[in-house]
Amino acid sequence: MTPIQLNGQPTQVDVEPDAPLLWVLRAELQLTGTKFGCGMALCGACTVHLDGVPTRSCVTPLGSAAGKSVTTIEGLQGPVADALRAAWTALDVVQCGYCQSGQIMQAHALLTVHPQPTDEQIDEAMSGIICRCGTYPRVRAAIHQAAGRKA
């Protein structure tokens, strides 16, 4: 049994410690908001927070999360998360939606560190999340709008 703090709740997972966290979240815990994209930590669709740090869950073994706090898109809460969701909706950021949970998780981490980020900070932070639909300008605008709303 591997103990993790999942979305604020103590959770025991009976899975081999070398199993990718992504598959544990999706298959064992039925949290399907975190997406499988590439399986090599290149696209960012699988981004979760591990002790508050954006982490690619497709290459993170469950054992690395033992005793740590794992936050998925389903558990993301608070004023920053609310501001991001509102901005995403207001600016109609989503097209296919596949990368969006990873985008929001990464953007949340950015706004936590840089409450009023510059375009350069946004571009740098978000560069690891690939959007097949090319919504990058809307993502940047939504992050700026969220930064204004939560202030």
Protein backbone atom coordinates (compact mmCIF):
# COMPACT_ATOMS: atom_id res chain seq x y z
CA MET A 1 0.00 0.00 0.00
CA THR A 2 1.28 3.41 -0.97
CA PRO A 3 -0.05 6.35 1.07
CA ILE A 4 -0.64 9.66 -0.73
CA GLN A 5 -2.60 12.78 0.05
CA LEU A 6 -4.92 12.96 -2.98
CA ASN A 7 -6.83 16.19 -3.51
CA GLY A 8 -6.66 16.85 0.22
CA GLN A 9 -7.74 13.37 1.30
CA PRO A 10 -5.52 10.62 2.73
CA THR A 11 -5.53 7.77 0.22
CA GLN A 12 -3.97 4.32 0.21
CA VAL A 13 -3.20 2.83 -3.19
CA ASP A 14 -2.58 -0.90 -3.60
CA VAL A 15 -0.51 -0.73 -6.79
CA GLU A 16 3.12 -1.49 -7.52
CA PRO A 17 5.28 1.56 -6.66
CA ASP A 18 6.78 1.66 -10.16
CA ALA A 19 3.35 2.13 -11.81
CA PRO A 20 3.04 5.54 -13.48
CA LEU A 21 1.04 7.94 -11.33
CA LEU A 22 -1.07 8.82 -14.37
CA TRP A 23 -2.38 5.26 -14.70
CA VAL A 24 -3.02 5.01 -10.98
CA LEU A 25 -5.08 8.21 -11.09
CA ARG A 26 -7.04 7.22 -14.19
CA ALA A 27 -7.46 3.44 -13.88
CA GLU A 28 -7.36 2.78 -10.16
CA LEU A 29 -8.82 5.98 -8.73
CA GLN A 30 -11.15 6.88 -11.63
CA LEU A 31 -9.87 10.47 -11.87
CA THR A 32 -9.90 10.93 -15.63
CA GLY A 33 -9.38 14.70 -15.83
CA THR A 34 -5.63 14.14 -16.10
CA LYS A 35 -4.97 13.06 -19.69
CA PHE A 36 -2.50 10.75 -21.40
CA GLY A 37 -0.82 12.53 -24.28
CA CYS A 38 2.64 11.27 -25.12
CA GLY A 39 3.81 9.09 -22.25
CA MET A 40 7.23 10.76 -22.30
CA ALA A 41 6.62 14.00 -20.34
CA LEU A 42 6.84 16.07 -23.51
CA CYS A 43 3.28 17.35 -24.00
CA GLY A 44 2.08 18.23 -20.48
CA ALA A 45 -1.46 16.84 -20.80
CA CYS A 46 -0.79 14.69 -17.72
CA THR A 47 0.31 17.55 -15.45
CA VAL A 48 -0.64 17.30 -11.78
CA HIS A 49 0.79 19.04 -8.73
CA LEU A 50 3.08 17.01 -6.51
CA ASP A 51 3.53 18.98 -3.29
CA GLY A 52 2.48 22.05 -5.28
CA VAL A 53 4.97 21.55 -8.12
CA PRO A 54 3.71 20.86 -11.65
CA THR A 55 4.70 17.27 -12.41
CA ARG A 56 4.24 15.08 -15.46
CA SER A 57 2.37 12.12 -14.05
CA CYS A 58 3.01 9.86 -17.05
CA VAL A 59 6.66 9.42 -16.05
CA THR A 60 6.29 9.79 -12.28
CA PRO A 61 6.23 6.44 -10.48
CA LEU A 62 3.61 6.08 -7.77
CA GLY A 63 6.43 5.43 -5.30
CA SER A 64 7.74 8.97 -5.90
CA ALA A 65 4.40 10.31 -4.66
CA ALA A 66 4.40 8.24 -1.45
CA GLY A 67 3.63 10.46 1.51
CA LYS A 68 3.24 13.52 -0.71
CA SER A 69 0.32 15.71 -1.71
CA VAL A 70 -1.04 14.99 -5.19
CA THR A 71 -3.49 17.48 -6.67
CA THR A 72 -5.33 16.73 -9.89
CA ILE A 73 -7.57 19.02 -11.93
CA GLU A 74 -10.52 17.55 -10.02
CA GLY A 75 -9.05 18.72 -6.71
CA LEU A 76 -7.70 22.12 -7.74
CA GLN A 77 -9.41 24.69 -5.52
CA GLY A 78 -9.14 28.22 -4.24
CA PRO A 79 -9.17 31.74 -5.64
CA VAL A 80 -6.47 31.11 -8.25
CA ALA A 81 -8.23 28.01 -9.56
CA ASP A 82 -11.58 29.82 -9.60
CA ALA A 83 -10.08 32.79 -11.46
CA LEU A 84 -8.47 30.49 -14.03
CA ARG A 85 -11.67 28.55 -14.67
CA ALA A 86 -13.65 31.78 -15.03
CA ALA A 87 -11.10 33.25 -17.45
CA TRP A 88 -10.93 30.02 -19.47
CA THR A 89 -14.71 30.13 -19.85
CA ALA A 90 -14.98 33.87 -20.49
CA LEU A 91 -12.34 33.78 -23.22
CA ASP A 92 -13.50 30.48 -24.71
CA VAL A 93 -9.98 29.05 -24.48
CA VAL A 94 -10.94 25.43 -25.04
CA GLN A 95 -11.20 23.89 -28.48
CA CYS A 96 -10.75 20.13 -28.33
CA GLY A 97 -9.99 20.39 -24.60
CA TYR A 98 -7.46 17.59 -24.43
CA CYS A 99 -4.57 19.65 -23.06
CA GLN A 100 -6.67 21.94 -20.91
CA SER A 101 -6.31 20.22 -17.55
CA GLY A 102 -2.53 20.33 -18.01
CA GLN A 103 -2.74 23.97 -19.11
CA ILE A 104 -4.75 24.95 -16.04
CA MET A 105 -2.52 23.01 -13.65
CA GLN A 106 0.59 24.68 -15.11
CA ALA A 107 -1.06 28.12 -15.12
CA HIS A 108 -2.08 27.68 -11.48
CA ALA A 109 1.52 27.00 -10.49
CA LEU A 110 2.66 30.04 -12.49
CA LEU A 111 0.16 32.38 -10.81
CA THR A 112 1.10 31.04 -7.41
CA VAL A 113 4.72 32.09 -7.99
CA HIS A 114 4.09 35.13 -10.23
CA PRO A 115 0.71 36.70 -9.34
CA GLN A 116 1.04 39.25 -12.18
CA PRO A 117 3.12 37.44 -14.81
CA THR A 118 4.59 39.06 -17.89
CA ASP A 119 4.05 37.61 -21.36
CA GLU A 120 7.58 36.22 -21.19
CA GLN A 121 6.92 34.49 -17.85
CA ILE A 122 3.70 33.02 -19.20
CA ASP A 123 5.36 31.81 -22.39
CA GLU A 124 8.22 30.24 -20.46
CA ALA A 125 5.98 28.53 -17.91
CA MET A 126 3.50 27.27 -20.49
CA SER A 127 6.02 26.19 -23.13
CA GLY A 128 5.95 22.59 -21.91
CA ILE A 129 2.22 22.17 -22.58
CA ILE A 130 1.44 21.33 -26.19
CA CYS A 131 -1.94 22.41 -27.57
CA ARG A 132 -2.82 20.59 -30.77
CA CYS A 133 -5.41 23.28 -31.56
CA GLY A 134 -3.00 26.21 -31.11
CA THR A 135 -4.96 28.13 -28.46
CA TYR A 136 -1.79 29.67 -27.04
CA PRO A 137 -2.88 33.32 -27.48
CA ARG A 138 -6.15 32.60 -25.65
CA VAL A 139 -4.27 30.74 -22.91
CA ARG A 140 -2.00 33.75 -22.40
CA ALA A 141 -4.97 36.14 -22.37
CA ALA A 142 -6.82 33.92 -19.88
CA ILE A 143 -3.83 33.83 -17.55
CA HIS A 144 -3.63 37.63 -17.64
CA GLN A 145 -7.37 37.88 -16.99
CA ALA A 146 -7.15 35.39 -14.10
CA ALA A 147 -4.26 37.38 -12.61
CA GLY A 148 -6.48 40.47 -12.64
CA ARG A 149 -9.53 38.72 -11.17
CA LYS A 150 -7.80 37.16 -8.21
CA ALA A 151 -6.02 40.39 -7.21
